């Protein structure tokens, strides 16, 4: 959706007022999908190269169900909460390409349901 500011309103390209209705989508996004625990230090992120955030906040297979529900509730925007650790957990400049691909697919699915990210 292309929007612009007109006075104190957001307008679409047809000049209609757009109401931005958004929600955070996070779940347990700050924790790797394969994290053994979060309540003890023992074993917590011993090997950061082996962690994965693919599937956070939810698996791609569940995305249509969640985005359909959010759209039915009137939401047209989401703030997709991610942590930098999810992108670069293996070290500086070492990006988790699988996670970035997952996020790209998730954003595309949201768009299919009329939800902007």
Foldseek 3Di string as FASTA:
>chain_A
DDWDDDPPFIADPVRDGDDAAEEEAFQPQAAFPPQPDDPDPVPGCPDLVPTASQQVVHHPVCLLVVLLVCVVVPHAEYDYDHDVCNQAVNHPPDGDVVNVVSVVSSQVSNVVSNHHD
